[in-house]
Amino acid sequence: MVMRFGGLDLNLMVALNALLEECSVTKAADRLNTTQPAMSAALGKLREYFDDELLTRVGRDMVPTAQAECLKRPIAEVLAAIQHAMRTKAGFDPGLSDRVFRIMMSDYMASITMPPLIEVLRRTAPSVQVDIVPSDDSMLTKLERGDIDLTVAPEKFLSPEHPSSVVSEDEYVVVVDKNQDKIGDSISLDQYLEMEHVVVNLSIDRATMFEDWFLEHFGISRKYVVSVPTFSIVPALIVNTKLIATMHKKLATRLSRHFDIRLVAVPDVFPTFREHMQWHRLRDHDPGLAWLREQLTRAAHTPG
C-alpha cells in the first residue's frame, strides 16, 4: 500500500532523509538496506516531485542544493517524531519492560555509572537492556536521528535545541607510578609542565575539553609521550615509568585498586569537571527515558 501526502509517496521521505544526510546514493542505499539502483530510482522520483536536483555532483562529491538544505531539517524532525511516537508507550513499568536503551558515553562515564546501574536493572528491571555507544563526532546526528536515546558529554558539546541536565561532577587528579619519588601528595604547575604525559585523545570528550582549557589559560600544550583513545588503559602506561596523566578522580580511584599508581592533587587552578546528559526534545515526556535518566543520575552519585 502506497501512502501519499500532497502527492508524494511517504516511503520516499525515508529515502530523501537518508540521501540528504549521507550525500551519497551508495551510502543511503546501504543505510536503508536496499540496492543502489533502487535508491537512484527514488532520487529520480524525488527530483521530479520537487522539480529540483536535490543533490548535484561537484568533483567526486554530491552536494545538496539550496532547496535540499531547506528540506533536510524538517524532514529529519518529522521522521524522528514518528519514530519517537512509535517507541513511546503511555506508561512505563521497569519490572515488565523489555526496552533497549542506547546511551552514548565515554569509557570514563561507563566505568562509574554502569556497575551500580546494572545492579538496579537486576533488581527492578530484569528485561531492560542498555547498549553503550562510544563517544564520537556523530553524537548530535545520532541524537537527532533517534539512533541513541541519551548522550552523556560535557556541556560544550551539547545542542542548545534539546533538554539536558547535569548528571555528575568530578575533579581532576594527576596519576603517577606508586613509587614515583619526585612528586609528593600534590604537584605544582611548574612541575606539571616539566613532566611528560600520557594523554587521552577523544574527539568530543573530556580530554579535548581539558586541552582546550589548558591552552586557553596557559597558552601552551602539555608534553606528551603517548596519546590513547580511552581512559581505562592509562594506568598500565604509567606503572614503572616517570610519566604522569591527568584523569578524573572517580575513575582514577577505581583503577588504583588494580594498578600500582598513586593519585596526586592537581594545581589549584584546574577546573571542576561536569558531565551532562541530553535527550531529544520530542522524548521529554517519555516515561521510560525519564526513569533511565533518574537511575543514571543516582548511579553517577553512588560511592565507588
C-alpha atoms as a PDB file:
ATOM      1  CA  MET A   1       0.000   0.000   0.000  1.00  0.00           C
ATOM      2  CA  VAL A   2       1.377   3.383  -1.019  1.00  0.00           C
ATOM      3  CA  MET A   3       0.620   6.240   1.387  1.00  0.00           C
ATOM      4  CA  ARG A   4       0.747   9.684  -0.163  1.00  0.00           C
ATOM      5  CA  PHE A   5       0.822  13.170   1.246  1.00  0.00           C
ATOM      6  CA  GLY A   6       0.488  16.032  -1.176  1.00  0.00           C
ATOM      7  CA  GLY A   7       1.040  13.551  -3.982  1.00  0.00           C
ATOM      8  CA  LEU A   8       4.340  12.272  -2.547  1.00  0.00           C
ATOM      9  CA  ASP A   9       4.844   8.616  -1.681  1.00  0.00           C
ATOM     10  CA  LEU A  10       5.685   8.802   2.024  1.00  0.00           C
ATOM     11  CA  ASN A  11       8.164   5.937   1.647  1.00  0.00           C
ATOM     12  CA  LEU A  12      10.266   8.374  -0.360  1.00  0.00           C
ATOM     13  CA  MET A  13      10.549  10.610   2.710  1.00  0.00           C
ATOM     14  CA  VAL A  14      12.750   7.978   4.350  1.00  0.00           C
ATOM     15  CA  ALA A  15      14.867   7.739   1.211  1.00  0.00           C
ATOM     16  CA  LEU A  16      15.152  11.524   0.977  1.00  0.00           C
ATOM     17  CA  ASN A  17      16.253  11.780   4.601  1.00  0.00           C
ATOM     18  CA  ALA A  18      18.990   9.216   4.036  1.00  0.00           C
ATOM     19  CA  LEU A  19      20.123  10.858   0.801  1.00  0.00           C
ATOM     20  CA  LEU A  20      20.330  14.317   2.362  1.00  0.00           C
ATOM     21  CA  GLU A  21      22.251  13.082   5.404  1.00  0.00           C
ATOM     22  CA  GLU A  22      24.648  10.813   3.525  1.00  0.00           C
ATOM     23  CA  CYS A  23      25.001  12.895   0.318  1.00  0.00           C
ATOM     24  CA  SER A  24      25.647   9.605  -1.443  1.00  0.00           C
ATOM     25  CA  VAL A  25      23.343   7.221  -3.282  1.00  0.00           C
ATOM     26  CA  THR A  26      25.536   4.264  -2.327  1.00  0.00           C
ATOM     27  CA  LYS A  27      25.726   5.151   1.382  1.00  0.00           C
ATOM     28  CA  ALA A  28      22.000   5.928   1.526  1.00  0.00           C
ATOM     29  CA  ALA A  29      21.240   2.556  -0.055  1.00  0.00           C
ATOM     30  CA  ASP A  30      23.483   0.770   2.447  1.00  0.00           C
ATOM     31  CA  ARG A  31      21.863   2.622   5.333  1.00  0.00           C
ATOM     32  CA  LEU A  32      18.362   1.577   4.251  1.00  0.00           C
ATOM     33  CA  ASN A  33      19.482  -1.915   3.270  1.00  0.00           C
ATOM     34  CA  THR A  34      18.368  -1.516  -0.321  1.00  0.00           C
ATOM     35  CA  THR A  35      20.107  -1.590  -3.705  1.00  0.00           C
ATOM     36  CA  GLN A  36      21.860   1.298  -5.385  1.00  0.00           C
ATOM     37  CA  PRO A  37      19.556   1.145  -8.450  1.00  0.00           C
ATOM     38  CA  ALA A  38      16.510   1.329  -6.155  1.00  0.00           C
ATOM     39  CA  MET A  39      17.943   4.353  -4.369  1.00  0.00           C
ATOM     40  CA  SER A  40      18.817   6.007  -7.680  1.00  0.00           C
ATOM     41  CA  ALA A  41      15.229   5.456  -8.813  1.00  0.00           C
ATOM     42  CA  ALA A  42      13.972   7.018  -5.569  1.00  0.00           C
ATOM     43  CA  LEU A  43      16.211  10.036  -6.119  1.00  0.00           C
ATOM     44  CA  GLY A  44      14.822  10.394  -9.638  1.00  0.00           C
ATOM     45  CA  LYS A  45      11.243  10.435  -8.322  1.00  0.00           C
ATOM     46  CA  LEU A  46      12.149  12.956  -5.648  1.00  0.00           C
ATOM     47  CA  ARG A  47      13.826  15.216  -8.190  1.00  0.00           C
ATOM     48  CA  GLU A  48      10.709  15.083 -10.340  1.00  0.00           C
ATOM     49  CA  TYR A  49       8.391  15.810  -7.414  1.00  0.00           C
ATOM     50  CA  PHE A  50      10.396  18.767  -6.083  1.00  0.00           C
ATOM     51  CA  ASP A  51      11.475  19.926  -9.546  1.00  0.00           C
ATOM     52  CA  ASP A  52      14.990  20.233  -8.196  1.00  0.00           C
ATOM     53  CA  GLU A  53      18.218  18.246  -8.496  1.00  0.00           C
ATOM     54  CA  LEU A  54      18.437  17.975  -4.669  1.00  0.00           C
ATOM     55  CA  LEU A  55      21.956  16.534  -4.959  1.00  0.00           C
ATOM     56  CA  THR A  56      24.425  17.768  -7.560  1.00  0.00           C
ATOM     57  CA  ARG A  57      27.874  16.455  -8.303  1.00  0.00           C
ATOM     58  CA  VAL A  58      30.845  18.706  -7.579  1.00  0.00           C
ATOM     59  CA  GLY A  59      34.010  16.841  -8.445  1.00  0.00           C
ATOM     60  CA  ARG A  60      33.694  13.454  -6.730  1.00  0.00           C
ATOM     61  CA  ASP A  61      31.211  14.668  -4.136  1.00  0.00           C
ATOM     62  CA  MET A  62      27.445  15.013  -4.121  1.00  0.00           C
ATOM     63  CA  VAL A  63      26.390  18.394  -2.723  1.00  0.00           C
ATOM     64  CA  PRO A  64      22.869  19.367  -1.569  1.00  0.00           C
ATOM     65  CA  THR A  65      21.129  22.144  -3.483  1.00  0.00           C
ATOM     66  CA  ALA A  66      19.664  25.162  -1.705  1.00  0.00           C
ATOM     67  CA  GLN A  67      16.233  23.529  -1.687  1.00  0.00           C
ATOM     68  CA  ALA A  68      17.672  20.309  -0.313  1.00  0.00           C
ATOM     69  CA  GLU A  69      19.269  22.239   2.546  1.00  0.00           C
ATOM     70  CA  CYS A  70      15.864  23.757   3.346  1.00  0.00           C
ATOM     71  CA  LEU A  71      14.255  20.296   3.359  1.00  0.00           C
ATOM     72  CA  LYS A  72      16.892  18.482   5.397  1.00  0.00           C
ATOM     73  CA  ARG A  73      15.966  19.503   8.913  1.00  0.00           C
ATOM     74  CA  PRO A  74      12.126  19.483   8.636  1.00  0.00           C
ATOM     75  CA  ILE A  75      12.130  16.004   7.116  1.00  0.00           C
ATOM     76  CA  ALA A  76      14.547  14.646   9.733  1.00  0.00           C
ATOM     77  CA  GLU A  77      12.361  16.084  12.503  1.00  0.00           C
ATOM     78  CA  VAL A  78       9.160  14.621  11.048  1.00  0.00           C
ATOM     79  CA  LEU A  79      10.699  11.153  10.808  1.00  0.00           C
ATOM     80  CA  ALA A  80      12.192  11.454  14.295  1.00  0.00           C
ATOM     81  CA  ALA A  81       8.789  12.445  15.696  1.00  0.00           C
ATOM     82  CA  ILE A  82       7.171   9.395  14.081  1.00  0.00           C
ATOM     83  CA  GLN A  83       9.923   7.121  15.381  1.00  0.00           C
ATOM     84  CA  HIS A  84       9.666   8.502  18.913  1.00  0.00           C
ATOM     85  CA  ALA A  85       5.864   8.224  18.867  1.00  0.00           C
ATOM     86  CA  MET A  86       6.070   4.564  17.834  1.00  0.00           C
ATOM     87  CA  ARG A  87       8.588   3.758  20.589  1.00  0.00           C
ATOM     88  CA  THR A  88       6.889   5.649  23.402  1.00  0.00           C
ATOM     89  CA  LYS A  89       4.131   3.972  25.386  1.00  0.00           C
ATOM     90  CA  ALA A  90       1.649   5.636  27.740  1.00  0.00           C
ATOM     91  CA  GLY A  91       3.302   4.228  30.841  1.00  0.00           C
ATOM     92  CA  PHE A  92       6.491   2.504  31.845  1.00  0.00           C
ATOM     93  CA  ASP A  93       6.817  -0.403  34.265  1.00  0.00           C
ATOM     94  CA  PRO A  94      10.516  -1.277  34.640  1.00  0.00           C
ATOM     95  CA  GLY A  95       9.628  -4.679  36.041  1.00  0.00           C
ATOM     96  CA  LEU A  96       7.721  -5.625  32.879  1.00  0.00           C
ATOM     97  CA  SER A  97       9.522  -3.616  30.205  1.00  0.00           C
ATOM     98  CA  ASP A  98      11.876  -5.188  27.663  1.00  0.00           C
ATOM     99  CA  ARG A  99      13.091  -1.895  26.179  1.00  0.00           C
ATOM    100  CA  VAL A 100      16.625  -1.493  24.895  1.00  0.00           C
ATOM    101  CA  PHE A 101      18.145   1.894  25.734  1.00  0.00           C
ATOM    102  CA  ARG A 102      21.136   3.179  23.775  1.00  0.00           C
ATOM    103  CA  ILE A 103      23.404   5.629  25.618  1.00  0.00           C
ATOM    104  CA  MET A 104      26.411   7.355  24.093  1.00  0.00           C
ATOM    105  CA  MET A 105      29.128   7.983  26.672  1.00  0.00           C
ATOM    106  CA  SER A 106      32.857   7.652  27.252  1.00  0.00           C
ATOM    107  CA  ASP A 107      34.564   4.751  28.986  1.00  0.00           C
ATOM    108  CA  TYR A 108      35.059   7.101  31.942  1.00  0.00           C
ATOM    109  CA  MET A 109      31.320   7.589  32.458  1.00  0.00           C
ATOM    110  CA  ALA A 110      30.523   3.957  31.654  1.00  0.00           C
ATOM    111  CA  SER A 111      33.035   2.826  34.279  1.00  0.00           C
ATOM    112  CA  ILE A 112      31.493   4.869  37.080  1.00  0.00           C
ATOM    113  CA  THR A 113      27.793   4.516  36.189  1.00  0.00           C
ATOM    114  CA  MET A 114      27.322   1.052  34.712  1.00  0.00           C
ATOM    115  CA  PRO A 115      28.180  -1.130  37.749  1.00  0.00           C
ATOM    116  CA  PRO A 116      25.548   0.480  40.016  1.00  0.00           C
ATOM    117  CA  LEU A 117      23.079   0.780  37.127  1.00  0.00           C
ATOM    118  CA  ILE A 118      23.422  -2.930  36.359  1.00  0.00           C
ATOM    119  CA  GLU A 119      22.534  -3.696  39.958  1.00  0.00           C
ATOM    120  CA  VAL A 120      19.376  -1.605  39.610  1.00  0.00           C
ATOM    121  CA  LEU A 121      18.446  -3.423  36.404  1.00  0.00           C
ATOM    122  CA  ARG A 122      18.933  -6.807  38.031  1.00  0.00           C
ATOM    123  CA  ARG A 123      16.688  -5.901  40.951  1.00  0.00           C
ATOM    124  CA  THR A 124      13.946  -3.841  39.339  1.00  0.00           C
ATOM    125  CA  ALA A 125      14.116  -4.163  35.537  1.00  0.00           C
ATOM    126  CA  PRO A 126      15.380  -7.667  34.654  1.00  0.00           C
ATOM    127  CA  SER A 127      14.348  -7.492  30.984  1.00  0.00           C
ATOM    128  CA  VAL A 128      15.577  -3.953  30.268  1.00  0.00           C
ATOM    129  CA  GLN A 129      18.824  -3.744  28.282  1.00  0.00           C
ATOM    130  CA  VAL A 130      21.348  -0.927  27.953  1.00  0.00           C
ATOM    131  CA  ASP A 131      23.665  -0.585  24.952  1.00  0.00           C
ATOM    132  CA  ILE A 132      26.663   1.715  25.467  1.00  0.00           C
ATOM    133  CA  VAL A 133      27.776   3.549  22.323  1.00  0.00           C
ATOM    134  CA  PRO A 134      31.313   5.054  22.401  1.00  0.00           C
ATOM    135  CA  SER A 135      31.500   8.850  22.205  1.00  0.00           C
ATOM    136  CA  ASP A 136      32.405  10.249  18.804  1.00  0.00           C
ATOM    137  CA  ASP A 137      31.684  13.154  16.474  1.00  0.00           C
ATOM    138  CA  SER A 138      28.359  11.659  15.358  1.00  0.00           C
ATOM    139  CA  MET A 139      26.749  12.332  18.757  1.00  0.00           C
ATOM    140  CA  LEU A 140      24.313  15.062  17.769  1.00  0.00           C
ATOM    141  CA  THR A 141      23.495  13.431  14.435  1.00  0.00           C
ATOM    142  CA  LYS A 142      22.621  10.167  16.167  1.00  0.00           C
ATOM    143  CA  LEU A 143      20.558  12.021  18.750  1.00  0.00           C
ATOM    144  CA  GLU A 144      18.605  13.811  16.008  1.00  0.00           C
ATOM    145  CA  ARG A 145      18.029  10.570  14.099  1.00  0.00           C
ATOM    146  CA  GLY A 146      16.886   8.702  17.184  1.00  0.00           C
ATOM    147  CA  ASP A 147      19.784   6.244  16.882  1.00  0.00           C
ATOM    148  CA  ILE A 148      20.593   6.888  20.551  1.00  0.00           C
ATOM    149  CA  ASP A 149      18.213   7.607  23.425  1.00  0.00           C
ATOM    150  CA  LEU A 150      20.589   9.558  25.610  1.00  0.00           C
ATOM    151  CA  THR A 151      24.026  11.084  25.378  1.00  0.00           C
ATOM    152  CA  VAL A 152      26.406  11.997  28.179  1.00  0.00           C
ATOM    153  CA  ALA A 153      29.028  14.653  27.480  1.00  0.00           C
ATOM    154  CA  PRO A 154      30.471  17.949  28.724  1.00  0.00           C
ATOM    155  CA  GLU A 155      28.169  20.940  28.247  1.00  0.00           C
ATOM    156  CA  LYS A 156      30.193  22.486  25.418  1.00  0.00           C
ATOM    157  CA  PHE A 157      29.378  19.529  23.148  1.00  0.00           C
ATOM    158  CA  LEU A 158      25.599  19.587  23.689  1.00  0.00           C
ATOM    159  CA  SER A 159      22.946  21.028  21.408  1.00  0.00           C
ATOM    160  CA  PRO A 160      21.085  24.149  22.627  1.00  0.00           C
ATOM    161  CA  GLU A 161      17.939  22.802  20.980  1.00  0.00           C
ATOM    162  CA  HIS A 162      17.434  19.794  23.244  1.00  0.00           C
ATOM    163  CA  PRO A 163      16.942  19.490  27.026  1.00  0.00           C
ATOM    164  CA  SER A 164      19.795  18.442  29.254  1.00  0.00           C
ATOM    165  CA  SER A 165      20.761  18.188  32.906  1.00  0.00           C
ATOM    166  CA  VAL A 166      23.909  17.704  34.978  1.00  0.00           C
ATOM    167  CA  VAL A 167      24.492  14.045  35.742  1.00  0.00           C
ATOM    168  CA  SER A 168      27.778  14.192  37.661  1.00  0.00           C
ATOM    169  CA  GLU A 169      30.624  16.362  38.901  1.00  0.00           C
ATOM    170  CA  ASP A 170      34.208  15.285  39.360  1.00  0.00           C
ATOM    171  CA  GLU A 171      37.627  16.773  39.907  1.00  0.00           C
ATOM    172  CA  TYR A 172      40.902  16.174  38.145  1.00  0.00           C
ATOM    173  CA  VAL A 173      43.831  14.343  39.704  1.00  0.00           C
ATOM    174  CA  VAL A 174      47.305  13.533  38.468  1.00  0.00           C
ATOM    175  CA  VAL A 175      48.134   9.838  38.279  1.00  0.00           C
ATOM    176  CA  VAL A 176      51.729   8.720  38.854  1.00  0.00           C
ATOM    177  CA  ASP A 177      53.565   5.464  39.458  1.00  0.00           C
ATOM    178  CA  LYS A 178      53.223   4.341  43.068  1.00  0.00           C
ATOM    179  CA  ASN A 179      56.987   4.580  43.571  1.00  0.00           C
ATOM    180  CA  GLN A 180      57.413   7.958  41.880  1.00  0.00           C
ATOM    181  CA  ASP A 181      59.661   9.828  44.333  1.00  0.00           C
ATOM    182  CA  LYS A 182      59.919  13.176  42.568  1.00  0.00           C
ATOM    183  CA  ILE A 183      56.277  14.046  43.240  1.00  0.00           C
ATOM    184  CA  GLY A 184      54.650  14.275  46.661  1.00  0.00           C
ATOM    185  CA  ASP A 185      50.961  14.437  47.520  1.00  0.00           C
ATOM    186  CA  SER A 186      50.462  17.402  45.204  1.00  0.00           C
ATOM    187  CA  ILE A 187      52.105  18.851  42.126  1.00  0.00           C
ATOM    188  CA  SER A 188      52.891  22.467  41.284  1.00  0.00           C
ATOM    189  CA  LEU A 189      52.007  23.924  37.916  1.00  0.00           C
ATOM    190  CA  ASP A 190      55.682  24.358  37.004  1.00  0.00           C
ATOM    191  CA  GLN A 191      56.400  20.731  37.858  1.00  0.00           C
ATOM    192  CA  TYR A 192      53.306  19.627  35.978  1.00  0.00           C
ATOM    193  CA  LEU A 193      54.534  21.397  32.853  1.00  0.00           C
ATOM    194  CA  GLU A 194      58.016  19.904  33.152  1.00  0.00           C
ATOM    195  CA  MET A 195      56.772  16.307  33.232  1.00  0.00           C
ATOM    196  CA  GLU A 196      55.998  14.071  30.244  1.00  0.00           C
ATOM    197  CA  HIS A 197      52.387  12.987  29.941  1.00  0.00           C
ATOM    198  CA  VAL A 198      50.100  10.218  28.789  1.00  0.00           C
ATOM    199  CA  VAL A 199      47.045  11.934  27.278  1.00  0.00           C
ATOM    200  CA  VAL A 200      43.639  10.680  26.223  1.00  0.00           C
ATOM    201  CA  ASN A 201      42.559  11.948  22.824  1.00  0.00           C
ATOM    202  CA  LEU A 202      38.838  11.689  22.168  1.00  0.00           C
ATOM    203  CA  SER A 203      37.219  13.850  19.537  1.00  0.00           C
ATOM    204  CA  ILE A 204      34.331  15.180  21.626  1.00  0.00           C
ATOM    205  CA  ASP A 205      35.221  14.195  25.145  1.00  0.00           C
ATOM    206  CA  ARG A 206      36.896  15.435  28.278  1.00  0.00           C
ATOM    207  CA  ALA A 207      40.476  15.211  27.060  1.00  0.00           C
ATOM    208  CA  THR A 208      39.741  17.566  24.185  1.00  0.00           C
ATOM    209  CA  MET A 209      37.956  19.919  26.545  1.00  0.00           C
ATOM    210  CA  PHE A 210      40.824  19.836  29.012  1.00  0.00           C
ATOM    211  CA  GLU A 211      43.383  20.535  26.292  1.00  0.00           C
ATOM    212  CA  ASP A 212      41.310  23.470  25.041  1.00  0.00           C
ATOM    213  CA  TRP A 213      41.009  24.832  28.579  1.00  0.00           C
ATOM    214  CA  PHE A 214      44.715  24.331  29.203  1.00  0.00           C
ATOM    215  CA  LEU A 215      45.754  26.130  26.033  1.00  0.00           C
ATOM    216  CA  GLU A 216      43.290  28.957  26.688  1.00  0.00           C
ATOM    217  CA  HIS A 217      44.614  29.571  30.200  1.00  0.00           C
ATOM    218  CA  PHE A 218      48.325  28.951  29.742  1.00  0.00           C
ATOM    219  CA  GLY A 219      48.913  29.266  26.015  1.00  0.00           C
ATOM    220  CA  ILE A 220      50.960  26.068  25.899  1.00  0.00           C
ATOM    221  CA  SER A 221      50.452  22.359  25.325  1.00  0.00           C
ATOM    222  CA  ARG A 222      51.490  19.580  27.640  1.00  0.00           C
ATOM    223  CA  LYS A 223      54.471  17.478  26.580  1.00  0.00           C
ATOM    224  CA  TYR A 224      53.164  14.015  25.880  1.00  0.00           C
ATOM    225  CA  VAL A 225      54.812  10.718  25.031  1.00  0.00           C
ATOM    226  CA  VAL A 226      51.742   8.755  24.021  1.00  0.00           C
ATOM    227  CA  SER A 227      48.105   9.508  23.181  1.00  0.00           C
ATOM    228  CA  VAL A 228      45.461   6.826  23.773  1.00  0.00           C
ATOM    229  CA  PRO A 229      41.744   6.544  22.921  1.00  0.00           C
ATOM    230  CA  THR A 230      40.383   5.531  26.361  1.00  0.00           C
ATOM    231  CA  PHE A 231      40.988   6.421  29.989  1.00  0.00           C
ATOM    232  CA  SER A 232      40.935   2.845  31.264  1.00  0.00           C
ATOM    233  CA  ILE A 233      44.300   1.927  29.734  1.00  0.00           C
ATOM    234  CA  VAL A 234      46.162   4.951  31.115  1.00  0.00           C
ATOM    235  CA  PRO A 235      47.332   3.353  34.421  1.00  0.00           C
ATOM    236  CA  ALA A 236      49.048   0.481  32.589  1.00  0.00           C
ATOM    237  CA  LEU A 237      51.182   3.076  30.785  1.00  0.00           C
ATOM    238  CA  ILE A 238      52.042   4.936  33.984  1.00  0.00           C
ATOM    239  CA  VAL A 239      53.258   1.979  36.066  1.00  0.00           C
ATOM    240  CA  ASN A 240      57.071   1.668  36.258  1.00  0.00           C
ATOM    241  CA  THR A 241      57.609   4.961  34.415  1.00  0.00           C
ATOM    242  CA  LYS A 242      58.157   8.633  35.229  1.00  0.00           C
ATOM    243  CA  LEU A 243      55.169   9.593  33.079  1.00  0.00           C
ATOM    244  CA  ILE A 244      52.098  11.283  34.535  1.00  0.00           C
ATOM    245  CA  ALA A 245      48.487  11.555  33.396  1.00  0.00           C
ATOM    246  CA  THR A 246      45.558  13.808  34.207  1.00  0.00           C
ATOM    247  CA  MET A 247      42.408  11.839  34.980  1.00  0.00           C
ATOM    248  CA  HIS A 248      39.054  12.137  36.707  1.00  0.00           C
ATOM    249  CA  LYS A 249      39.207  11.293  40.390  1.00  0.00           C
ATOM    250  CA  LYS A 250      36.295   8.824  40.425  1.00  0.00           C
ATOM    251  CA  LEU A 251      37.741   6.641  37.694  1.00  0.00           C
ATOM    252  CA  ALA A 252      41.341   7.010  38.878  1.00  0.00           C
ATOM    253  CA  THR A 253      40.283   5.913  42.370  1.00  0.00           C
ATOM    254  CA  ARG A 254      38.660   2.763  40.980  1.00  0.00           C
ATOM    255  CA  LEU A 255      41.667   1.934  38.813  1.00  0.00           C
ATOM    256  CA  SER A 256      44.122   2.491  41.687  1.00  0.00           C
ATOM    257  CA  ARG A 257      42.767  -0.716  43.251  1.00  0.00           C
ATOM    258  CA  HIS A 258      44.118  -2.719  40.336  1.00  0.00           C
ATOM    259  CA  PHE A 259      47.293  -0.841  39.347  1.00  0.00           C
ATOM    260  CA  ASP A 260      50.344   0.355  41.272  1.00  0.00           C
ATOM    261  CA  ILE A 261      49.506   4.005  40.825  1.00  0.00           C
ATOM    262  CA  ARG A 262      49.110   6.947  43.154  1.00  0.00           C
ATOM    263  CA  LEU A 263      46.702   9.905  42.961  1.00  0.00           C
ATOM    264  CA  VAL A 264      48.186  13.375  43.338  1.00  0.00           C
ATOM    265  CA  ALA A 265      46.344  16.656  43.902  1.00  0.00           C
ATOM    266  CA  VAL A 266      46.407  18.922  40.842  1.00  0.00           C
ATOM    267  CA  PRO A 267      47.298  22.633  40.929  1.00  0.00           C
ATOM    268  CA  ASP A 268      44.515  24.784  42.388  1.00  0.00           C
ATOM    269  CA  VAL A 269      43.850  26.466  39.043  1.00  0.00           C
ATOM    270  CA  PHE A 270      42.437  23.292  37.472  1.00  0.00           C
ATOM    271  CA  PRO A 271      38.648  23.338  36.880  1.00  0.00           C
ATOM    272  CA  THR A 272      35.845  21.173  38.203  1.00  0.00           C
ATOM    273  CA  PHE A 273      34.588  18.730  35.601  1.00  0.00           C
ATOM    274  CA  ARG A 274      30.858  18.300  34.887  1.00  0.00           C
ATOM    275  CA  GLU A 275      29.068  15.765  32.713  1.00  0.00           C
ATOM    276  CA  HIS A 276      25.616  16.473  31.286  1.00  0.00           C
ATOM    277  CA  MET A 277      23.083  14.090  29.820  1.00  0.00           C
ATOM    278  CA  GLN A 278      20.957  15.163  26.867  1.00  0.00           C
ATOM    279  CA  TRP A 279      17.922  13.708  25.146  1.00  0.00           C
ATOM    280  CA  HIS A 280      15.794  14.669  22.155  1.00  0.00           C
ATOM    281  CA  ARG A 281      13.161  17.280  22.933  1.00  0.00           C
ATOM    282  CA  LEU A 282      10.492  15.010  21.420  1.00  0.00           C
ATOM    283  CA  ARG A 283      11.306  12.473  24.152  1.00  0.00           C
ATOM    284  CA  ASP A 284      10.968  14.921  27.031  1.00  0.00           C
ATOM    285  CA  HIS A 285       7.796  13.187  28.263  1.00  0.00           C
ATOM    286  CA  ASP A 286       8.865   9.611  27.557  1.00  0.00           C
ATOM    287  CA  PRO A 287       8.305   7.873  30.929  1.00  0.00           C
ATOM    288  CA  GLY A 288      10.830   5.145  30.198  1.00  0.00           C
ATOM    289  CA  LEU A 289      13.551   7.632  29.349  1.00  0.00           C
ATOM    290  CA  ALA A 290      12.686   9.724  32.407  1.00  0.00           C
ATOM    291  CA  TRP A 291      13.146   6.592  34.540  1.00  0.00           C
ATOM    292  CA  LEU A 292      16.503   5.868  32.905  1.00  0.00           C
ATOM    293  CA  ARG A 293      17.730   9.432  33.481  1.00  0.00           C
ATOM    294  CA  GLU A 294      16.838   9.177  37.148  1.00  0.00           C
ATOM    295  CA  GLN A 295      18.636   5.852  37.531  1.00  0.00           C
ATOM    296  CA  LEU A 296      21.694   7.105  35.675  1.00  0.00           C
ATOM    297  CA  THR A 297      21.943  10.182  37.884  1.00  0.00           C
ATOM    298  CA  ARG A 298      21.706   8.029  41.001  1.00  0.00           C
ATOM    299  CA  ALA A 299      24.328   5.644  39.626  1.00  0.00           C
ATOM    300  CA  ALA A 300      26.711   8.542  38.931  1.00  0.00           C
ATOM    301  CA  HIS A 301      26.478   9.560  42.592  1.00  0.00           C
ATOM    302  CA  THR A 302      26.926   6.054  44.015  1.00  0.00           C
ATOM    303  CA  PRO A 303      30.163   5.852  46.033  1.00  0.00           C
ATOM    304  CA  GLY A 304      32.798   3.863  44.156  1.00  0.00           C
END
